[in-house]
């Protein structure tokens, strides 16, 4: 499968500008390379290569609705502008297609994520804790954990500590209270974030999952319970949105750590 290479590699943008400054590259040549910086048009997708420069993290690829071949081409092109690639909700067929062009890509069957990470020399910043109510919530919880880790965060995991056996959660109280930010993932009645919110001083990101019987309404009951929580300091993402929760937690942790260092 032959793909067209784009003209700009944004992770080397600083090096390119230094070449212009030092007279090693003509301005016109630099303009040619910068031409696709805002985005790259693949006909079926327009890749936002500038996002890594704006936000510090590249555009994330949502797999559903895309063919394996499209995902492979998008992922391959993304590596030209970022050292990190994240594909969410991917199936094994998508992974096989991506692996053909990016052999170093890793697949999590549990989280349904495809990850590629190069040049990872910076140690992770500790502070993120992902808490899952039950084993059935683990696909969403692990998606959150992988996302936060790829952003450069150190992530701890605490699984199967739902409110039906509250002693399982309270046994890890010190772990909860040491975290800078907690992601609480739960289906059924969605009570876990309220309990966690009453135990910690850090922000809590609540993630409702579609796990539950009929009256759970595919996660709507848990979503409404979390939105109506009486515990302060809780933010709620959409149903099954582990990626969104992991990204928010990672952003909070990195910003907090940066503030503490200054």
Protein backbone atom coordinates (compact mmCIF):
# COMPACT_ATOMS: atom_id res chain seq x y z
CA UNK A 1 0.00 0.00 0.00
CA UNK A 2 1.68 3.20 -1.17
CA UNK A 3 0.75 6.45 0.53
CA UNK A 4 1.67 9.98 -0.43
CA UNK A 5 3.97 11.63 2.10
CA UNK A 6 2.98 15.05 3.33
CA UNK A 7 5.26 18.06 3.13
CA UNK A 8 5.56 18.98 6.81
CA UNK A 9 6.64 17.09 9.90
CA UNK A 10 5.43 19.32 12.73
CA UNK A 11 7.52 17.68 15.44
CA UNK A 12 10.55 19.04 13.58
CA UNK A 13 9.04 22.47 13.00
CA UNK A 14 11.47 24.10 15.41
CA UNK A 15 14.40 22.51 13.60
CA UNK A 16 13.05 23.79 10.28
CA UNK A 17 12.75 27.34 11.60
CA UNK A 18 16.26 27.15 13.02
CA UNK A 19 17.57 26.14 9.59
CA UNK A 20 15.96 29.24 8.12
CA UNK A 21 17.38 31.39 10.90
CA UNK A 22 20.87 29.97 10.41
CA UNK A 23 20.75 30.37 6.64
CA UNK A 24 20.74 26.61 5.98
CA UNK A 25 17.35 26.72 4.27
CA UNK A 26 15.83 29.29 1.95
CA UNK A 27 12.58 30.92 3.05
CA UNK A 28 10.79 29.74 -0.11
CA UNK A 29 11.77 26.13 0.60
CA UNK A 30 10.44 26.46 4.14
CA UNK A 31 7.15 27.83 2.81
CA UNK A 32 6.76 24.74 0.62
CA UNK A 33 7.19 22.50 3.64
CA UNK A 34 4.79 24.59 5.75
CA UNK A 35 2.09 24.50 3.10
CA UNK A 36 0.23 21.52 4.60
CA UNK A 37 0.72 22.62 8.21
CA UNK A 38 -2.93 23.59 8.87
CA UNK A 39 -4.26 20.28 7.52
CA UNK A 40 -3.66 17.57 4.95
CA UNK A 41 -6.42 16.63 2.51
CA UNK A 42 -6.68 12.87 1.94
CA UNK A 43 -9.90 13.28 -0.05
CA UNK A 44 -11.89 11.24 2.48
CA UNK A 45 -10.40 13.03 5.51
CA UNK A 46 -8.71 16.32 6.34
CA UNK A 47 -6.02 15.73 8.95
CA UNK A 48 -5.47 18.50 11.47
CA UNK A 49 -1.67 18.39 11.74
CA UNK A 50 -1.68 21.76 13.47
CA UNK A 51 -3.53 20.42 16.52
CA UNK A 52 -0.38 18.99 18.11
CA UNK A 53 1.20 22.45 17.97
CA UNK A 54 -1.92 24.19 19.32
CA UNK A 55 -2.86 21.81 22.12
CA UNK A 56 0.18 19.63 22.76
CA UNK A 57 -1.59 16.44 21.63
CA UNK A 58 -2.37 15.27 18.09
CA UNK A 59 -5.77 14.69 16.56
CA UNK A 60 -7.27 11.41 17.77
CA UNK A 61 -8.74 9.00 15.22
CA UNK A 62 -12.24 7.61 15.90
CA UNK A 63 -12.41 4.27 14.09
CA UNK A 64 -16.16 3.53 13.64
CA UNK A 65 -17.42 4.46 10.19
CA UNK A 66 -13.96 4.25 8.61
CA UNK A 67 -12.62 1.34 6.59
CA UNK A 68 -9.43 -0.44 7.75
CA UNK A 69 -7.64 0.98 4.72
CA UNK A 70 -8.72 4.53 5.55
CA UNK A 71 -7.58 4.11 9.14
CA UNK A 72 -4.21 2.83 7.98
CA UNK A 73 -3.70 5.79 5.65
CA UNK A 74 -4.77 8.29 8.31
CA UNK A 75 -2.50 6.72 10.93
CA UNK A 76 0.46 6.59 8.57
CA UNK A 77 0.03 10.25 7.63
CA UNK A 78 -0.35 11.24 11.29
CA UNK A 79 3.09 9.82 12.08
CA UNK A 80 4.60 12.43 9.79
CA UNK A 81 3.40 15.23 12.06
CA UNK A 82 3.46 13.63 15.49
CA UNK A 83 5.35 11.00 17.43
CA UNK A 84 2.05 9.75 18.88
CA UNK A 85 -1.02 8.21 17.28
CA UNK A 86 -4.19 7.13 19.05
CA UNK A 87 -7.08 5.31 17.37
CA UNK A 88 -10.14 4.61 19.51
CA UNK A 89 -12.90 1.99 19.16
CA UNK A 90 -10.85 -0.06 16.72
CA UNK A 91 -11.45 -3.72 15.93
CA UNK A 92 -8.81 -6.36 15.10
CA UNK A 93 -9.30 -5.88 11.33
CA UNK A 94 -8.44 -2.22 11.70
CA UNK A 95 -5.35 -3.11 13.71
CA UNK A 96 -4.13 -5.57 11.08
CA UNK A 97 -4.42 -2.87 8.41
CA UNK A 98 -2.59 -0.30 10.54
CA UNK A 99 0.12 -2.77 11.53
CA UNK A 100 0.97 -3.40 7.87
CA UNK A 101 2.13 0.21 7.50
CA UNK A 102 3.12 0.84 11.13
CA UNK A 103 4.52 -2.43 12.52
CA UNK A 104 5.31 -0.85 15.90
CA UNK A 105 1.67 0.01 16.60
CA UNK A 106 0.15 -1.69 19.66
CA UNK A 107 -3.42 -2.91 20.08
CA UNK A 108 -5.44 -3.22 23.29
CA UNK A 109 -8.24 -5.71 22.77
CA UNK A 110 -9.83 -4.62 26.05
CA UNK A 111 -9.83 -0.87 25.36
CA UNK A 112 -10.14 -1.28 21.57
CA UNK A 113 -7.34 1.22 21.03
CA UNK A 114 -4.43 1.31 18.60
CA UNK A 115 -1.45 3.25 19.92
CA UNK A 116 1.85 4.27 18.42
CA UNK A 117 4.40 6.17 20.48
CA UNK A 118 7.88 7.17 19.37
CA UNK A 119 10.62 9.21 21.03
CA UNK A 120 9.17 8.73 24.51
CA UNK A 121 12.09 9.97 26.60
CA UNK A 122 10.22 12.14 29.11
CA UNK A 123 9.24 10.36 32.35
CA UNK A 124 5.48 10.27 33.00
CA UNK A 125 3.95 12.75 35.43
CA UNK A 126 2.22 10.82 38.25
CA UNK A 127 -1.16 11.82 39.59
CA UNK A 128 -3.98 10.16 37.59
CA UNK A 129 -6.10 7.41 39.15
CA UNK A 130 -8.69 5.47 37.15
CA UNK A 131 -11.34 3.74 39.26
CA UNK A 132 -13.80 1.24 37.78
CA UNK A 133 -16.94 0.05 39.57
CA UNK A 134 -17.07 -3.39 37.97
CA UNK A 135 -15.25 -5.66 35.56
CA UNK A 136 -17.84 -4.90 32.89
CA UNK A 137 -16.73 -1.24 33.02
CA UNK A 138 -13.10 -2.07 32.22
CA UNK A 139 -13.18 -1.41 28.44
CA UNK A 140 -14.17 2.22 29.07
CA UNK A 141 -11.84 2.56 32.08
CA UNK A 142 -8.86 1.17 30.18
CA UNK A 143 -9.55 3.52 27.25
CA UNK A 144 -9.29 6.39 29.74
CA UNK A 145 -6.07 5.02 31.21
CA UNK A 146 -4.37 4.50 27.84
CA UNK A 147 -5.33 8.00 26.72
CA UNK A 148 -3.92 9.65 29.83
CA UNK A 149 -0.73 7.60 29.62
CA UNK A 150 -0.16 8.55 25.99
CA UNK A 151 -0.41 12.20 27.02
CA UNK A 152 2.54 11.72 29.37
CA UNK A 153 0.79 10.92 32.64
CA UNK A 154 1.57 8.23 35.15
CA UNK A 155 -1.67 6.32 35.67
CA UNK A 156 -2.73 4.00 38.49
CA UNK A 157 -5.67 1.64 38.12
CA UNK A 158 -8.19 0.50 40.73
CA UNK A 159 -10.64 -2.07 39.37
CA UNK A 160 -13.88 -3.64 40.65
CA UNK A 161 -14.53 -1.38 43.65
CA UNK A 162 -18.19 -0.55 43.12
CA UNK A 163 -20.55 0.55 45.88
CA UNK A 164 -22.10 -2.91 46.29
CA UNK A 165 -18.95 -3.78 48.25
CA UNK A 166 -17.88 -0.39 49.56
CA UNK A 167 -15.17 -1.89 51.78
CA UNK A 168 -13.23 -2.73 48.62
CA UNK A 169 -12.98 0.97 47.80
CA UNK A 170 -12.33 2.22 51.34
CA UNK A 171 -9.39 -0.17 51.65
CA UNK A 172 -7.62 2.05 49.08
CA UNK A 173 -8.46 5.41 50.64
CA UNK A 174 -4.83 6.61 50.70
CA UNK A 175 -4.49 5.84 46.98
CA UNK A 176 -7.61 7.87 46.25
CA UNK A 177 -6.48 10.82 48.33
CA UNK A 178 -2.98 10.89 46.85
CA UNK A 179 -4.25 11.35 43.29
CA UNK A 180 -4.33 14.77 41.64
CA UNK A 181 -7.35 13.74 39.59
CA UNK A 182 -9.64 10.70 39.71
CA UNK A 183 -11.64 9.18 36.87
CA UNK A 184 -14.59 7.17 38.25
CA UNK A 185 -16.19 4.78 35.76
CA UNK A 186 -19.52 3.12 36.54
CA UNK A 187 -22.66 1.74 34.97
CA UNK A 188 -25.84 0.43 36.62
CA UNK A 189 -27.00 3.26 38.94
CA UNK A 190 -23.75 5.19 38.56
CA UNK A 191 -23.18 5.83 42.26
CA UNK A 192 -19.40 5.40 42.40
CA UNK A 193 -18.39 8.99 41.46
CA UNK A 194 -20.61 10.44 44.21
CA UNK A 195 -18.93 8.21 46.77
CA UNK A 196 -15.45 9.04 45.51
CA UNK A 197 -16.29 12.75 45.40
CA UNK A 198 -17.07 12.67 49.11
CA UNK A 199 -13.70 11.13 49.93
CA UNK A 200 -11.16 13.20 47.97
CA UNK A 201 -10.15 16.84 47.54
CA UNK A 202 -9.09 16.39 43.91
CA UNK A 203 -11.32 16.78 40.83
CA UNK A 204 -13.39 13.72 39.96
CA UNK A 205 -14.32 12.97 36.36
CA UNK A 206 -17.39 10.74 36.21
CA UNK A 207 -17.87 8.35 33.30
CA UNK A 208 -21.26 6.65 32.93
CA UNK A 209 -21.16 3.37 31.04
CA UNK A 210 -23.89 1.55 29.16
CA UNK A 211 -23.52 -1.44 31.51
CA UNK A 212 -26.81 -2.39 33.18
CA UNK A 213 -30.21 -3.96 32.84
CA UNK A 214 -33.20 -2.53 30.97
CA UNK A 215 -34.03 0.48 33.14
CA UNK A 216 -30.41 1.56 32.87
CA UNK A 217 -31.42 2.73 29.36
CA UNK A 218 -27.96 2.01 27.91
CA UNK A 219 -26.21 4.31 30.39
CA UNK A 220 -28.77 7.12 30.59
CA UNK A 221 -29.67 6.27 34.19
CA UNK A 222 -26.01 6.41 35.23
CA UNK A 223 -25.49 9.65 33.30
CA UNK A 224 -28.42 11.37 35.01
CA UNK A 225 -27.33 10.09 38.43
CA UNK A 226 -23.85 11.53 37.93
CA UNK A 227 -25.19 14.85 36.65
CA UNK A 228 -27.39 15.06 39.76
CA UNK A 229 -24.66 14.10 42.23
CA UNK A 230 -24.69 15.93 45.55
CA UNK A 231 -20.90 15.55 45.89
CA UNK A 232 -18.97 18.66 44.78
CA UNK A 233 -16.02 18.66 42.41
CA UNK A 234 -17.48 16.20 39.90
CA UNK A 235 -17.45 16.72 36.14
CA UNK A 236 -19.34 14.31 33.87
CA UNK A 237 -18.50 13.14 30.37
CA UNK A 238 -20.73 11.35 27.90
CA UNK A 239 -21.78 7.70 28.13
CA UNK A 240 -18.87 5.29 27.53
CA UNK A 241 -16.53 8.22 26.77
CA UNK A 242 -13.37 6.84 28.31
CA UNK A 243 -11.23 8.80 25.87
CA UNK A 244 -12.81 12.13 26.87
CA UNK A 245 -12.36 11.38 30.56
CA UNK A 246 -8.76 10.26 30.13
CA UNK A 247 -7.93 13.34 28.08
CA UNK A 248 -9.50 15.68 30.63
CA UNK A 249 -7.76 13.93 33.53
CA UNK A 250 -4.43 14.05 31.72
CA UNK A 251 -4.79 17.74 30.97
CA UNK A 252 -5.68 18.54 34.61
CA UNK A 253 -2.79 16.50 35.96
CA UNK A 254 -0.18 17.99 33.64
CA UNK A 255 -1.41 21.53 34.28
CA UNK A 256 -1.42 20.99 38.04
CA UNK A 257 2.05 19.48 38.03
CA UNK A 258 3.34 22.37 35.93
CA UNK A 259 1.85 24.89 38.37
CA UNK A 260 3.44 23.12 41.33
CA UNK A 261 6.87 23.27 39.68
CA UNK A 262 6.71 27.05 39.17
